[in-house]
Amino acid sequence: MKRTFTTLTDATLITAVVQHGYGELITDALLEVGIQGATLHSAMGVGIRERLGAVGVAVDAERDVVSVMVSSDEVDRIFERIFLAGKLDTPGMGFMYATPLMQAATYVPPAILAKYTDG
């Protein structure tokens, strides 16, 4: 059997760098709206705020990074969902960005693939 793959060309990667503990809140919020998979990992942030802290004491710079690939027509809806779940409207909570992807590949079930192809 010949192996093939489907290249997705209308996809966007949304990445959020948030306070430690908020990554799980974001992934839960994504599951609630039907996003079936996201990547969550820990990272260390570096900056003047982390070095000084409120009273000149070092503060925890651990961050959660959430990445999710979505179709381009879903970007605004999912971007807003992540923004709200991560409380990014609060100073110091983190930041996020969306990156258009030139190509992406993963398993696409035949029933879904048929909707977007000629056969």
C-alpha atoms as a PDB file:
ATOM      1  CA  MET A   1       0.000   0.000   0.000  1.00  0.00           C
ATOM      2  CA  LYS A   2       1.383   3.356  -1.022  1.00  0.00           C
ATOM      3  CA  ARG A   3       1.604   5.854   1.804  1.00  0.00           C
ATOM      4  CA  THR A   4       0.403   9.375   1.110  1.00  0.00           C
ATOM      5  CA  PHE A   5      -0.077  12.497   3.120  1.00  0.00           C
ATOM      6  CA  THR A   6      -2.278  15.529   2.894  1.00  0.00           C
ATOM      7  CA  THR A   7      -0.678  18.946   3.031  1.00  0.00           C
ATOM      8  CA  LEU A   8      -2.768  21.600   4.729  1.00  0.00           C
ATOM      9  CA  THR A   9      -2.195  25.053   3.271  1.00  0.00           C
ATOM     10  CA  ASP A  10      -4.894  27.084   5.013  1.00  0.00           C
ATOM     11  CA  ALA A  11      -3.699  26.728   8.590  1.00  0.00           C
ATOM     12  CA  THR A  12      -2.512  29.055  11.337  1.00  0.00           C
ATOM     13  CA  LEU A  13      -0.473  28.321  14.457  1.00  0.00           C
ATOM     14  CA  ILE A  14      -1.643  30.164  17.569  1.00  0.00           C
ATOM     15  CA  THR A  15       0.910  30.342  20.389  1.00  0.00           C
ATOM     16  CA  ALA A  16       0.254  31.706  23.880  1.00  0.00           C
ATOM     17  CA  VAL A  17       2.953  32.276  26.508  1.00  0.00           C
ATOM     18  CA  VAL A  18       1.129  32.567  29.829  1.00  0.00           C
ATOM     19  CA  GLN A  19       1.613  32.409  33.571  1.00  0.00           C
ATOM     20  CA  HIS A  20       2.388  28.940  34.921  1.00  0.00           C
ATOM     21  CA  GLY A  21      -0.874  27.076  35.564  1.00  0.00           C
ATOM     22  CA  TYR A  22      -2.907  28.884  32.927  1.00  0.00           C
ATOM     23  CA  GLY A  23      -1.869  26.531  30.117  1.00  0.00           C
ATOM     24  CA  GLU A  24      -4.159  23.841  31.439  1.00  0.00           C
ATOM     25  CA  LEU A  25      -7.039  26.326  31.725  1.00  0.00           C
ATOM     26  CA  ILE A  26      -6.497  27.253  28.091  1.00  0.00           C
ATOM     27  CA  THR A  27      -6.367  23.653  26.852  1.00  0.00           C
ATOM     28  CA  ASP A  28      -9.573  22.903  28.795  1.00  0.00           C
ATOM     29  CA  ALA A  29     -11.235  25.934  27.181  1.00  0.00           C
ATOM     30  CA  LEU A  30     -10.135  24.709  23.744  1.00  0.00           C
ATOM     31  CA  LEU A  31     -11.605  21.260  24.362  1.00  0.00           C
ATOM     32  CA  GLU A  32     -14.913  22.906  25.288  1.00  0.00           C
ATOM     33  CA  VAL A  33     -15.132  24.518  21.838  1.00  0.00           C
ATOM     34  CA  GLY A  34     -14.173  21.376  19.933  1.00  0.00           C
ATOM     35  CA  ILE A  35     -10.429  21.799  19.422  1.00  0.00           C
ATOM     36  CA  GLN A  36      -9.188  18.250  19.780  1.00  0.00           C
ATOM     37  CA  GLY A  37      -5.510  18.826  20.282  1.00  0.00           C
ATOM     38  CA  ALA A  38      -3.077  21.424  21.532  1.00  0.00           C
ATOM     39  CA  THR A  39       0.511  21.276  22.720  1.00  0.00           C
ATOM     40  CA  LEU A  40       1.327  22.451  26.233  1.00  0.00           C
ATOM     41  CA  HIS A  41       4.838  22.736  27.601  1.00  0.00           C
ATOM     42  CA  SER A  42       6.735  24.631  30.268  1.00  0.00           C
ATOM     43  CA  ALA A  43       9.304  27.335  29.639  1.00  0.00           C
ATOM     44  CA  MET A  44      11.337  29.853  31.582  1.00  0.00           C
ATOM     45  CA  GLY A  45      10.815  33.544  30.926  1.00  0.00           C
ATOM     46  CA  VAL A  46      13.539  36.137  31.231  1.00  0.00           C
ATOM     47  CA  GLY A  47      13.103  39.873  31.702  1.00  0.00           C
ATOM     48  CA  ILE A  48      13.647  42.816  34.019  1.00  0.00           C
ATOM     49  CA  ARG A  49      10.422  42.096  35.878  1.00  0.00           C
ATOM     50  CA  GLU A  50      11.541  38.557  36.727  1.00  0.00           C
ATOM     51  CA  ARG A  51      14.927  39.743  37.996  1.00  0.00           C
ATOM     52  CA  LEU A  52      13.640  42.525  40.214  1.00  0.00           C
ATOM     53  CA  GLY A  53      10.281  41.347  41.480  1.00  0.00           C
ATOM     54  CA  ALA A  54       7.947  43.637  43.410  1.00  0.00           C
ATOM     55  CA  VAL A  55      10.438  44.361  46.219  1.00  0.00           C
ATOM     56  CA  GLY A  56      13.741  43.580  44.557  1.00  0.00           C
ATOM     57  CA  VAL A  57      13.489  39.819  45.112  1.00  0.00           C
ATOM     58  CA  ALA A  58      13.641  37.312  42.247  1.00  0.00           C
ATOM     59  CA  VAL A  59      10.224  36.033  41.195  1.00  0.00           C
ATOM     60  CA  ASP A  60       9.245  32.770  39.514  1.00  0.00           C
ATOM     61  CA  ALA A  61       9.705  33.105  35.765  1.00  0.00           C
ATOM     62  CA  GLU A  62       8.158  29.748  34.830  1.00  0.00           C
ATOM     63  CA  ARG A  63       5.659  30.010  31.977  1.00  0.00           C
ATOM     64  CA  ASP A  64       3.286  27.722  30.127  1.00  0.00           C
ATOM     65  CA  VAL A  65       3.364  27.721  26.335  1.00  0.00           C
ATOM     66  CA  VAL A  66       0.266  26.549  24.480  1.00  0.00           C
ATOM     67  CA  SER A  67       0.367  25.954  20.716  1.00  0.00           C
ATOM     68  CA  VAL A  68      -2.588  24.975  18.587  1.00  0.00           C
ATOM     69  CA  MET A  69      -2.955  24.640  14.832  1.00  0.00           C
ATOM     70  CA  VAL A  70      -6.319  25.756  13.455  1.00  0.00           C
ATOM     71  CA  SER A  71      -7.825  26.390  10.052  1.00  0.00           C
ATOM     72  CA  SER A  72      -7.514  30.016   9.045  1.00  0.00           C
ATOM     73  CA  ASP A  73     -11.262  30.575   9.229  1.00  0.00           C
ATOM     74  CA  GLU A  74     -11.206  29.603  12.932  1.00  0.00           C
ATOM     75  CA  VAL A  75      -8.349  31.908  13.973  1.00  0.00           C
ATOM     76  CA  ASP A  76     -10.388  34.828  15.333  1.00  0.00           C
ATOM     77  CA  ARG A  77     -12.732  32.637  17.379  1.00  0.00           C
ATOM     78  CA  ILE A  78      -9.959  30.504  18.886  1.00  0.00           C
ATOM     79  CA  PHE A  79      -7.612  33.470  19.391  1.00  0.00           C
ATOM     80  CA  GLU A  80     -10.293  35.209  21.462  1.00  0.00           C
ATOM     81  CA  ARG A  81     -11.014  32.045  23.453  1.00  0.00           C
ATOM     82  CA  ILE A  82      -7.330  31.673  24.388  1.00  0.00           C
ATOM     83  CA  PHE A  83      -7.023  35.378  25.213  1.00  0.00           C
ATOM     84  CA  LEU A  84      -9.944  35.209  27.646  1.00  0.00           C
ATOM     85  CA  ALA A  85      -8.998  31.852  29.220  1.00  0.00           C
ATOM     86  CA  GLY A  86      -5.430  33.059  29.788  1.00  0.00           C
ATOM     87  CA  LYS A  87      -6.650  36.389  31.224  1.00  0.00           C
ATOM     88  CA  LEU A  88      -4.342  38.195  28.833  1.00  0.00           C
ATOM     89  CA  ASP A  89      -6.280  41.415  29.395  1.00  0.00           C
ATOM     90  CA  THR A  90      -4.486  41.586  32.780  1.00  0.00           C
ATOM     91  CA  PRO A  91      -1.002  43.151  32.922  1.00  0.00           C
ATOM     92  CA  GLY A  92       1.826  40.641  33.260  1.00  0.00           C
ATOM     93  CA  MET A  93      -0.236  37.554  32.370  1.00  0.00           C
ATOM     94  CA  GLY A  94       1.521  36.863  29.085  1.00  0.00           C
ATOM     95  CA  PHE A  95       1.164  37.312  25.346  1.00  0.00           C
ATOM     96  CA  MET A  96       0.046  35.425  22.274  1.00  0.00           C
ATOM     97  CA  TYR A  97       0.461  35.525  18.531  1.00  0.00           C
ATOM     98  CA  ALA A  98      -0.811  33.845  15.371  1.00  0.00           C
ATOM     99  CA  THR A  99       1.513  32.646  12.625  1.00  0.00           C
ATOM    100  CA  PRO A 100       0.226  31.660   9.156  1.00  0.00           C
ATOM    101  CA  LEU A 101       1.629  28.272   8.166  1.00  0.00           C
ATOM    102  CA  MET A 102       2.885  27.661   4.644  1.00  0.00           C
ATOM    103  CA  GLN A 103       2.428  23.911   4.996  1.00  0.00           C
ATOM    104  CA  ALA A 104       1.279  21.532   7.681  1.00  0.00           C
ATOM    105  CA  ALA A 105       0.676  17.799   7.603  1.00  0.00           C
ATOM    106  CA  THR A 106      -1.187  15.377   9.836  1.00  0.00           C
ATOM    107  CA  TYR A 107      -3.626  12.529   9.492  1.00  0.00           C
ATOM    108  CA  VAL A 108      -6.924  13.718   8.048  1.00  0.00           C
ATOM    109  CA  PRO A 109      -9.831  11.240   8.236  1.00  0.00           C
ATOM    110  CA  PRO A 110     -11.156  10.321   4.750  1.00  0.00           C
ATOM    111  CA  ALA A 111     -14.645  11.673   5.512  1.00  0.00           C
ATOM    112  CA  ILE A 112     -13.256  15.107   6.314  1.00  0.00           C
ATOM    113  CA  LEU A 113     -10.800  15.043   3.433  1.00  0.00           C
ATOM    114  CA  ALA A 114     -13.630  14.322   0.998  1.00  0.00           C
ATOM    115  CA  LYS A 115     -15.342  17.579   1.995  1.00  0.00           C
ATOM    116  CA  TYR A 116     -12.362  19.590   0.779  1.00  0.00           C
ATOM    117  CA  THR A 117     -11.310  17.646  -2.286  1.00  0.00           C
ATOM    118  CA  ASP A 118     -12.953  16.684  -5.515  1.00  0.00           C
ATOM    119  CA  GLY A 119     -13.384  13.093  -4.487  1.00  0.00           C
END
